[in-house]
Amino acid sequence: MIGICAGVERAALGSWELETNVTPRTYTGAVAKAGALAVILPPDDAVAQSPDQVLDLVDGLLLAGGNDIDPSAYGARPHPQTHRTRPERDRFELALAHRALERGLPLLGICRGMELLNVALGGTLDQHLERLDVHRHTPAAFCDHEVRLGPGSLAARTVGAETTGVRSHHHQGLAELGEGLVASGWSLPDELIEAIELPERGFVLGVLWHPEEDERDRVIGALVEGARVKEVAS
């Protein structure tokens, strides 16, 4: 069972426009393809106060992409280009991430999820990248580029190579790394951090690209395998 944190968006549902819990089907499809069941986790302040009641139900946690994290979560003022924040989602996901790390639960952060993992461990974000030649954030479009991965890193072992093609869509990145995190992937040619991990802590990985948008990408499958191995070991 892989828990996937849902976003919150105002969306049209038939004749209605409503606040909606949103998860792209590419995430659930990738989890299913890897042989696991996906459980959608909508933001809930009660769960944020007691995350074990949800984490007891899953074998791995996926922090999905989405809107910008509220800068107050890492002690910063909003940049003019920071927008569409959802503090209730931040509270929920930060609580789940903290407790998942304490429990040693396999954890994968994708795009916003990688940024959330960094913030959960005390890191900060660059709220608007000025060098967007590689990381274009054209609405509704992904950018294809290359990433190099540290030899022997979890990221490289997961991908199965030290360079890989990825699909990206973001306008933010990491500034100061959170406690214990190491950078293990960098975009080519501009060297922006594209992967982070916690060495010696099982499967804890963040990637700035979108593996759910590429059927050949092995990252989500590696989360499922990490969850399966931990379940067998326990």
C-alpha atoms as a PDB file:
ATOM      1  CA  MET A   1       0.000   0.000   0.000  1.00  0.00           C
ATOM      2  CA  ILE A   2       1.517   3.326  -1.086  1.00  0.00           C
ATOM      3  CA  GLY A   3      -0.013   6.508   0.329  1.00  0.00           C
ATOM      4  CA  ILE A   4      -0.064   9.405  -2.145  1.00  0.00           C
ATOM      5  CA  CYS A   5      -0.638  12.885  -0.724  1.00  0.00           C
ATOM      6  CA  ALA A   6      -3.350  14.722  -2.643  1.00  0.00           C
ATOM      7  CA  GLY A   7      -3.421  18.353  -3.676  1.00  0.00           C
ATOM      8  CA  VAL A   8      -6.307  20.757  -3.187  1.00  0.00           C
ATOM      9  CA  GLU A   9      -7.683  22.673  -6.161  1.00  0.00           C
ATOM     10  CA  ARG A  10     -10.838  24.492  -7.150  1.00  0.00           C
ATOM     11  CA  ALA A  11     -12.175  22.370  -9.983  1.00  0.00           C
ATOM     12  CA  ALA A  12     -15.231  21.995 -12.191  1.00  0.00           C
ATOM     13  CA  LEU A  13     -17.164  18.775 -11.572  1.00  0.00           C
ATOM     14  CA  GLY A  14     -20.091  18.610 -13.952  1.00  0.00           C
ATOM     15  CA  SER A  15     -22.229  21.672 -13.226  1.00  0.00           C
ATOM     16  CA  TRP A  16     -20.376  22.462 -10.015  1.00  0.00           C
ATOM     17  CA  GLU A  17     -17.177  24.301  -9.144  1.00  0.00           C
ATOM     18  CA  LEU A  18     -15.854  22.908  -5.882  1.00  0.00           C
ATOM     19  CA  GLU A  19     -12.795  22.614  -3.640  1.00  0.00           C
ATOM     20  CA  THR A  20     -11.455  19.225  -4.726  1.00  0.00           C
ATOM     21  CA  ASN A  21      -8.807  16.743  -3.607  1.00  0.00           C
ATOM     22  CA  VAL A  22      -6.687  16.168  -6.723  1.00  0.00           C
ATOM     23  CA  THR A  23      -4.196  13.453  -7.675  1.00  0.00           C
ATOM     24  CA  PRO A  24      -3.129  12.947 -11.313  1.00  0.00           C
ATOM     25  CA  ARG A  25      -3.825   9.392 -12.438  1.00  0.00           C
ATOM     26  CA  THR A  26      -0.245   9.072 -13.666  1.00  0.00           C
ATOM     27  CA  TYR A  27       0.799   8.638 -10.003  1.00  0.00           C
ATOM     28  CA  THR A  28      -1.694   5.899  -9.224  1.00  0.00           C
ATOM     29  CA  GLY A  29      -0.972   4.262 -12.565  1.00  0.00           C
ATOM     30  CA  ALA A  30       2.762   4.137 -11.852  1.00  0.00           C
ATOM     31  CA  VAL A  31       2.150   2.630  -8.411  1.00  0.00           C
ATOM     32  CA  ALA A  32      -0.192   0.006  -9.886  1.00  0.00           C
ATOM     33  CA  LYS A  33       2.292  -0.821 -12.641  1.00  0.00           C
ATOM     34  CA  ALA A  34       4.908  -1.474  -9.945  1.00  0.00           C
ATOM     35  CA  GLY A  35       2.594  -4.002  -8.296  1.00  0.00           C
ATOM     36  CA  ALA A  36       1.230  -1.988  -5.367  1.00  0.00           C
ATOM     37  CA  LEU A  37      -2.053  -0.407  -4.350  1.00  0.00           C
ATOM     38  CA  ALA A  38      -2.366   3.389  -4.215  1.00  0.00           C
ATOM     39  CA  VAL A  39      -4.175   5.079  -1.328  1.00  0.00           C
ATOM     40  CA  ILE A  40      -5.018   8.766  -1.810  1.00  0.00           C
ATOM     41  CA  LEU A  41      -4.413  10.873   1.319  1.00  0.00           C
ATOM     42  CA  PRO A  42      -6.319  14.193   1.362  1.00  0.00           C
ATOM     43  CA  PRO A  43      -5.106  17.000   3.664  1.00  0.00           C
ATOM     44  CA  ASP A  44      -6.632  16.660   7.126  1.00  0.00           C
ATOM     45  CA  ASP A  45      -5.671  18.695  10.199  1.00  0.00           C
ATOM     46  CA  ALA A  46      -6.819  15.892  12.526  1.00  0.00           C
ATOM     47  CA  VAL A  47      -4.384  13.503  10.823  1.00  0.00           C
ATOM     48  CA  ALA A  48      -1.666  16.168  10.995  1.00  0.00           C
ATOM     49  CA  GLN A  49      -2.084  16.056  14.779  1.00  0.00           C
ATOM     50  CA  SER A  50      -1.901  12.250  14.833  1.00  0.00           C
ATOM     51  CA  PRO A  51      -0.253  10.958  11.623  1.00  0.00           C
ATOM     52  CA  ASP A  52       0.179   7.377  12.857  1.00  0.00           C
ATOM     53  CA  GLN A  53      -3.502   6.666  12.234  1.00  0.00           C
ATOM     54  CA  VAL A  54      -2.797   7.015   8.506  1.00  0.00           C
ATOM     55  CA  LEU A  55       0.785   5.778   8.381  1.00  0.00           C
ATOM     56  CA  ASP A  56      -0.282   2.533  10.072  1.00  0.00           C
ATOM     57  CA  LEU A  57      -2.266   1.778   6.907  1.00  0.00           C
ATOM     58  CA  VAL A  58       0.515   2.197   4.326  1.00  0.00           C
ATOM     59  CA  ASP A  59       3.899   0.663   3.557  1.00  0.00           C
ATOM     60  CA  GLY A  60       5.380   3.671   1.783  1.00  0.00           C
ATOM     61  CA  LEU A  61       4.664   7.387   1.380  1.00  0.00           C
ATOM     62  CA  LEU A  62       4.732   9.425  -1.836  1.00  0.00           C
ATOM     63  CA  LEU A  63       4.796  13.224  -1.509  1.00  0.00           C
ATOM     64  CA  ALA A  64       3.438  14.306  -4.885  1.00  0.00           C
ATOM     65  CA  GLY A  65       3.963  17.427  -6.966  1.00  0.00           C
ATOM     66  CA  GLY A  66       1.731  20.480  -6.873  1.00  0.00           C
ATOM     67  CA  ASN A  67       1.546  24.109  -5.861  1.00  0.00           C
ATOM     68  CA  ASP A  68       4.183  26.150  -4.044  1.00  0.00           C
ATOM     69  CA  ILE A  69       4.846  25.563  -0.352  1.00  0.00           C
ATOM     70  CA  ASP A  70       3.908  28.512   1.858  1.00  0.00           C
ATOM     71  CA  PRO A  71       7.229  30.296   2.614  1.00  0.00           C
ATOM     72  CA  SER A  72       6.206  30.683   6.267  1.00  0.00           C
ATOM     73  CA  ALA A  73       6.886  26.934   6.582  1.00  0.00           C
ATOM     74  CA  TYR A  74      10.607  27.682   6.232  1.00  0.00           C
ATOM     75  CA  GLY A  75      10.733  31.142   7.767  1.00  0.00           C
ATOM     76  CA  ALA A  76      10.727  33.208   4.574  1.00  0.00           C
ATOM     77  CA  ARG A  77       8.636  36.002   3.092  1.00  0.00           C
ATOM     78  CA  PRO A  78       6.753  35.296  -0.133  1.00  0.00           C
ATOM     79  CA  HIS A  79       8.454  36.095  -3.413  1.00  0.00           C
ATOM     80  CA  PRO A  80       6.177  37.851  -5.953  1.00  0.00           C
ATOM     81  CA  GLN A  81       6.251  34.667  -8.068  1.00  0.00           C
ATOM     82  CA  THR A  82       5.217  32.384  -5.168  1.00  0.00           C
ATOM     83  CA  HIS A  83       1.505  31.714  -5.459  1.00  0.00           C
ATOM     84  CA  ARG A  84      -1.421  29.321  -4.995  1.00  0.00           C
ATOM     85  CA  THR A  85      -0.144  28.092  -1.640  1.00  0.00           C
ATOM     86  CA  ARG A  86      -2.246  25.760   0.506  1.00  0.00           C
ATOM     87  CA  PRO A  87      -1.092  25.900   4.147  1.00  0.00           C
ATOM     88  CA  GLU A  88      -3.457  23.061   5.117  1.00  0.00           C
ATOM     89  CA  ARG A  89      -1.687  20.779   2.645  1.00  0.00           C
ATOM     90  CA  ASP A  90       1.699  21.895   3.959  1.00  0.00           C
ATOM     91  CA  ARG A  91       0.729  21.143   7.570  1.00  0.00           C
ATOM     92  CA  PHE A  92      -0.592  17.718   6.641  1.00  0.00           C
ATOM     93  CA  GLU A  93       2.378  16.666   4.525  1.00  0.00           C
ATOM     94  CA  LEU A  94       5.001  18.038   6.917  1.00  0.00           C
ATOM     95  CA  ALA A  95       3.423  16.047   9.753  1.00  0.00           C
ATOM     96  CA  LEU A  96       3.334  12.868   7.664  1.00  0.00           C
ATOM     97  CA  ALA A  97       6.910  13.370   6.465  1.00  0.00           C
ATOM     98  CA  HIS A  98       8.271  13.947   9.982  1.00  0.00           C
ATOM     99  CA  ARG A  99       6.564  10.855  11.356  1.00  0.00           C
ATOM    100  CA  ALA A 100       7.376   8.688   8.334  1.00  0.00           C
ATOM    101  CA  LEU A 101      11.056   9.533   8.803  1.00  0.00           C
ATOM    102  CA  GLU A 102      10.861   8.702  12.505  1.00  0.00           C
ATOM    103  CA  ARG A 103       9.262   5.351  11.688  1.00  0.00           C
ATOM    104  CA  GLY A 104      11.706   4.512   8.905  1.00  0.00           C
ATOM    105  CA  LEU A 105       8.895   4.318   6.348  1.00  0.00           C
ATOM    106  CA  PRO A 106      10.065   4.360   2.706  1.00  0.00           C
ATOM    107  CA  LEU A 107       9.474   7.882   1.404  1.00  0.00           C
ATOM    108  CA  LEU A 108       9.648   9.455  -2.038  1.00  0.00           C
ATOM    109  CA  GLY A 109       9.225  13.166  -2.746  1.00  0.00           C
ATOM    110  CA  ILE A 110       8.483  14.276  -6.317  1.00  0.00           C
ATOM    111  CA  CYS A 111       9.009  17.924  -7.381  1.00  0.00           C
ATOM    112  CA  ARG A 112       7.066  19.829  -4.687  1.00  0.00           C
ATOM    113  CA  GLY A 113       7.441  16.640  -2.628  1.00  0.00           C
ATOM    114  CA  MET A 114      11.242  16.883  -2.807  1.00  0.00           C
ATOM    115  CA  GLU A 115      10.997  20.509  -1.700  1.00  0.00           C
ATOM    116  CA  LEU A 116       8.637  19.467   1.132  1.00  0.00           C
ATOM    117  CA  LEU A 117      11.120  16.813   2.293  1.00  0.00           C
ATOM    118  CA  ASN A 118      13.844  19.453   2.398  1.00  0.00           C
ATOM    119  CA  VAL A 119      11.634  21.858   4.378  1.00  0.00           C
ATOM    120  CA  ALA A 120      10.620  19.066   6.784  1.00  0.00           C
ATOM    121  CA  LEU A 121      14.292  18.656   7.698  1.00  0.00           C
ATOM    122  CA  GLY A 122      14.892  22.369   8.211  1.00  0.00           C
ATOM    123  CA  GLY A 123      15.981  23.339   4.699  1.00  0.00           C
ATOM    124  CA  THR A 124      14.904  26.329   2.621  1.00  0.00           C
ATOM    125  CA  LEU A 125      13.819  26.969  -0.960  1.00  0.00           C
ATOM    126  CA  ASP A 126      14.789  29.270  -3.801  1.00  0.00           C
ATOM    127  CA  GLN A 127      11.307  30.612  -4.482  1.00  0.00           C
ATOM    128  CA  HIS A 128      11.874  31.566  -8.103  1.00  0.00           C
ATOM    129  CA  LEU A 129      14.731  30.359 -10.261  1.00  0.00           C
ATOM    130  CA  GLU A 130      16.176  33.016 -12.515  1.00  0.00           C
ATOM    131  CA  ARG A 131      17.996  30.515 -14.730  1.00  0.00           C
ATOM    132  CA  LEU A 132      15.094  28.807 -16.453  1.00  0.00           C
ATOM    133  CA  ASP A 133      16.787  27.877 -19.717  1.00  0.00           C
ATOM    134  CA  VAL A 134      16.683  24.199 -18.711  1.00  0.00           C
ATOM    135  CA  HIS A 135      13.767  24.334 -16.280  1.00  0.00           C
ATOM    136  CA  ARG A 136      11.121  26.064 -18.330  1.00  0.00           C
ATOM    137  CA  HIS A 137       7.776  26.208 -16.571  1.00  0.00           C
ATOM    138  CA  THR A 138       5.486  26.827 -19.520  1.00  0.00           C
ATOM    139  CA  PRO A 139       1.918  26.131 -18.347  1.00  0.00           C
ATOM    140  CA  ALA A 140       0.820  22.543 -19.043  1.00  0.00           C
ATOM    141  CA  ALA A 141       4.185  21.597 -20.596  1.00  0.00           C
ATOM    142  CA  PHE A 142       7.079  19.475 -19.372  1.00  0.00           C
ATOM    143  CA  CYS A 143      10.718  20.114 -20.217  1.00  0.00           C
ATOM    144  CA  ASP A 144      13.011  17.207 -21.167  1.00  0.00           C
ATOM    145  CA  HIS A 145      16.614  17.424 -19.998  1.00  0.00           C
ATOM    146  CA  GLU A 146      19.486  15.370 -18.575  1.00  0.00           C
ATOM    147  CA  VAL A 147      20.437  14.762 -14.937  1.00  0.00           C
ATOM    148  CA  ARG A 148      23.705  13.394 -13.575  1.00  0.00           C
ATOM    149  CA  LEU A 149      23.595  11.274 -10.435  1.00  0.00           C
ATOM    150  CA  GLY A 150      26.242  10.691  -7.788  1.00  0.00           C
ATOM    151  CA  PRO A 151      28.114   7.375  -8.187  1.00  0.00           C
ATOM    152  CA  GLY A 152      26.816   4.808  -5.722  1.00  0.00           C
ATOM    153  CA  SER A 153      23.987   7.066  -4.544  1.00  0.00           C
ATOM    154  CA  LEU A 154      20.458   5.813  -3.900  1.00  0.00           C
ATOM    155  CA  ALA A 155      19.353   7.973  -6.835  1.00  0.00           C
ATOM    156  CA  ALA A 156      21.838   6.321  -9.201  1.00  0.00           C
ATOM    157  CA  ARG A 157      20.996   2.822  -7.948  1.00  0.00           C
ATOM    158  CA  THR A 158      17.306   3.576  -8.369  1.00  0.00           C
ATOM    159  CA  VAL A 159      17.671   4.872 -11.920  1.00  0.00           C
ATOM    160  CA  GLY A 160      20.266   2.257 -12.829  1.00  0.00           C
ATOM    161  CA  ALA A 161      22.712   4.770 -14.321  1.00  0.00           C
ATOM    162  CA  GLU A 162      24.714   7.879 -13.471  1.00  0.00           C
ATOM    163  CA  THR A 163      22.968  10.000 -16.122  1.00  0.00           C
ATOM    164  CA  THR A 164      19.340   9.931 -17.146  1.00  0.00           C
ATOM    165  CA  GLY A 165      16.798  11.862 -19.164  1.00  0.00           C
ATOM    166  CA  VAL A 166      13.962  13.361 -17.121  1.00  0.00           C
ATOM    167  CA  ARG A 167      10.761  15.398 -17.476  1.00  0.00           C
ATOM    168  CA  SER A 168      10.532  18.573 -15.369  1.00  0.00           C
ATOM    169  CA  HIS A 169       8.026  21.305 -14.630  1.00  0.00           C
ATOM    170  CA  HIS A 170       8.898  23.709 -11.810  1.00  0.00           C
ATOM    171  CA  HIS A 171       9.981  27.255 -11.044  1.00  0.00           C
ATOM    172  CA  GLN A 172      11.483  26.699  -7.582  1.00  0.00           C
ATOM    173  CA  GLY A 173      14.469  24.756  -6.268  1.00  0.00           C
ATOM    174  CA  LEU A 174      16.448  24.056  -3.125  1.00  0.00           C
ATOM    175  CA  ALA A 175      18.479  26.690  -1.309  1.00  0.00           C
ATOM    176  CA  GLU A 176      19.868  25.415   2.029  1.00  0.00           C
ATOM    177  CA  LEU A 177      19.750  21.648   2.444  1.00  0.00           C
ATOM    178  CA  GLY A 178      17.869  20.196   5.413  1.00  0.00           C
ATOM    179  CA  GLU A 179      19.629  18.372   8.238  1.00  0.00           C
ATOM    180  CA  GLY A 180      21.236  15.108   7.122  1.00  0.00           C
ATOM    181  CA  LEU A 181      20.231  15.470   3.489  1.00  0.00           C
ATOM    182  CA  VAL A 182      22.816  15.193   0.736  1.00  0.00           C
ATOM    183  CA  ALA A 183      22.475  16.207  -2.883  1.00  0.00           C
ATOM    184  CA  SER A 184      22.789  13.220  -5.208  1.00  0.00           C
ATOM    185  CA  GLY A 185      21.529  14.546  -8.560  1.00  0.00           C
ATOM    186  CA  TRP A 186      22.186  17.673 -10.624  1.00  0.00           C
ATOM    187  CA  SER A 187      20.660  18.930 -13.845  1.00  0.00           C
ATOM    188  CA  LEU A 188      22.785  19.297 -16.959  1.00  0.00           C
ATOM    189  CA  PRO A 189      24.176  21.685 -17.843  1.00  0.00           C
ATOM    190  CA  ASP A 190      23.285  24.149 -15.052  1.00  0.00           C
ATOM    191  CA  GLU A 191      23.934  21.917 -11.985  1.00  0.00           C
ATOM    192  CA  LEU A 192      20.684  22.678 -10.164  1.00  0.00           C
ATOM    193  CA  ILE A 193      20.046  20.081  -7.439  1.00  0.00           C
ATOM    194  CA  GLU A 194      17.659  17.474  -8.861  1.00  0.00           C
ATOM    195  CA  ALA A 195      17.871  14.680  -6.244  1.00  0.00           C
ATOM    196  CA  ILE A 196      18.395  14.492  -2.481  1.00  0.00           C
ATOM    197  CA  GLU A 197      18.573  11.578  -0.053  1.00  0.00           C
ATOM    198  CA  LEU A 198      19.298  10.579   3.531  1.00  0.00           C
ATOM    199  CA  PRO A 199      22.302   8.227   3.536  1.00  0.00           C
ATOM    200  CA  GLU A 200      22.041   5.150   5.755  1.00  0.00           C
ATOM    201  CA  ARG A 201      18.305   5.708   6.273  1.00  0.00           C
ATOM    202  CA  GLY A 202      16.725   3.138   3.970  1.00  0.00           C
ATOM    203  CA  PHE A 203      14.632   4.462   1.095  1.00  0.00           C
ATOM    204  CA  VAL A 204      14.354   8.233   1.535  1.00  0.00           C
ATOM    205  CA  LEU A 205      14.649  10.007  -1.812  1.00  0.00           C
ATOM    206  CA  GLY A 206      13.534  13.279  -3.346  1.00  0.00           C
ATOM    207  CA  VAL A 207      13.623  14.049  -7.080  1.00  0.00           C
ATOM    208  CA  LEU A 208      12.774  17.355  -8.709  1.00  0.00           C
ATOM    209  CA  TRP A 209      11.657  15.724 -11.952  1.00  0.00           C
ATOM    210  CA  HIS A 210       8.372  13.905 -12.612  1.00  0.00           C
ATOM    211  CA  PRO A 211       8.951  10.138 -12.884  1.00  0.00           C
ATOM    212  CA  GLU A 212       5.196   9.493 -13.094  1.00  0.00           C
ATOM    213  CA  GLU A 213       5.232  11.195 -16.515  1.00  0.00           C
ATOM    214  CA  ASP A 214       7.693   8.711 -18.054  1.00  0.00           C
ATOM    215  CA  GLU A 215       6.760   5.021 -18.268  1.00  0.00           C
ATOM    216  CA  ARG A 216      10.450   4.096 -18.505  1.00  0.00           C
ATOM    217  CA  ASP A 217      11.368   5.850 -15.250  1.00  0.00           C
ATOM    218  CA  ARG A 218      12.156   3.419 -12.409  1.00  0.00           C
ATOM    219  CA  VAL A 219      11.848   5.778  -9.423  1.00  0.00           C
ATOM    220  CA  ILE A 220       8.281   4.992  -8.321  1.00  0.00           C
ATOM    221  CA  GLY A 221       8.921   1.291  -8.829  1.00  0.00           C
ATOM    222  CA  ALA A 222      11.913   1.604  -6.509  1.00  0.00           C
ATOM    223  CA  LEU A 223       9.703   3.122  -3.795  1.00  0.00           C
ATOM    224  CA  VAL A 224       7.343   0.153  -4.114  1.00  0.00           C
ATOM    225  CA  GLU A 225      10.257  -2.280  -3.908  1.00  0.00           C
ATOM    226  CA  GLY A 226      11.627  -0.453  -0.868  1.00  0.00           C
ATOM    227  CA  ALA A 227       8.235  -0.785   0.811  1.00  0.00           C
ATOM    228  CA  ARG A 228       8.061  -4.468  -0.084  1.00  0.00           C
ATOM    229  CA  VAL A 229      11.536  -5.150   1.327  1.00  0.00           C
ATOM    230  CA  LYS A 230      10.775  -3.318   4.560  1.00  0.00           C
ATOM    231  CA  GLU A 231       7.507  -5.203   4.983  1.00  0.00           C
ATOM    232  CA  VAL A 232       9.287  -8.547   4.567  1.00  0.00           C
ATOM    233  CA  ALA A 233      12.045  -7.490   6.975  1.00  0.00           C
ATOM    234  CA  SER A 234       9.519  -6.493   9.645  1.00  0.00           C
END
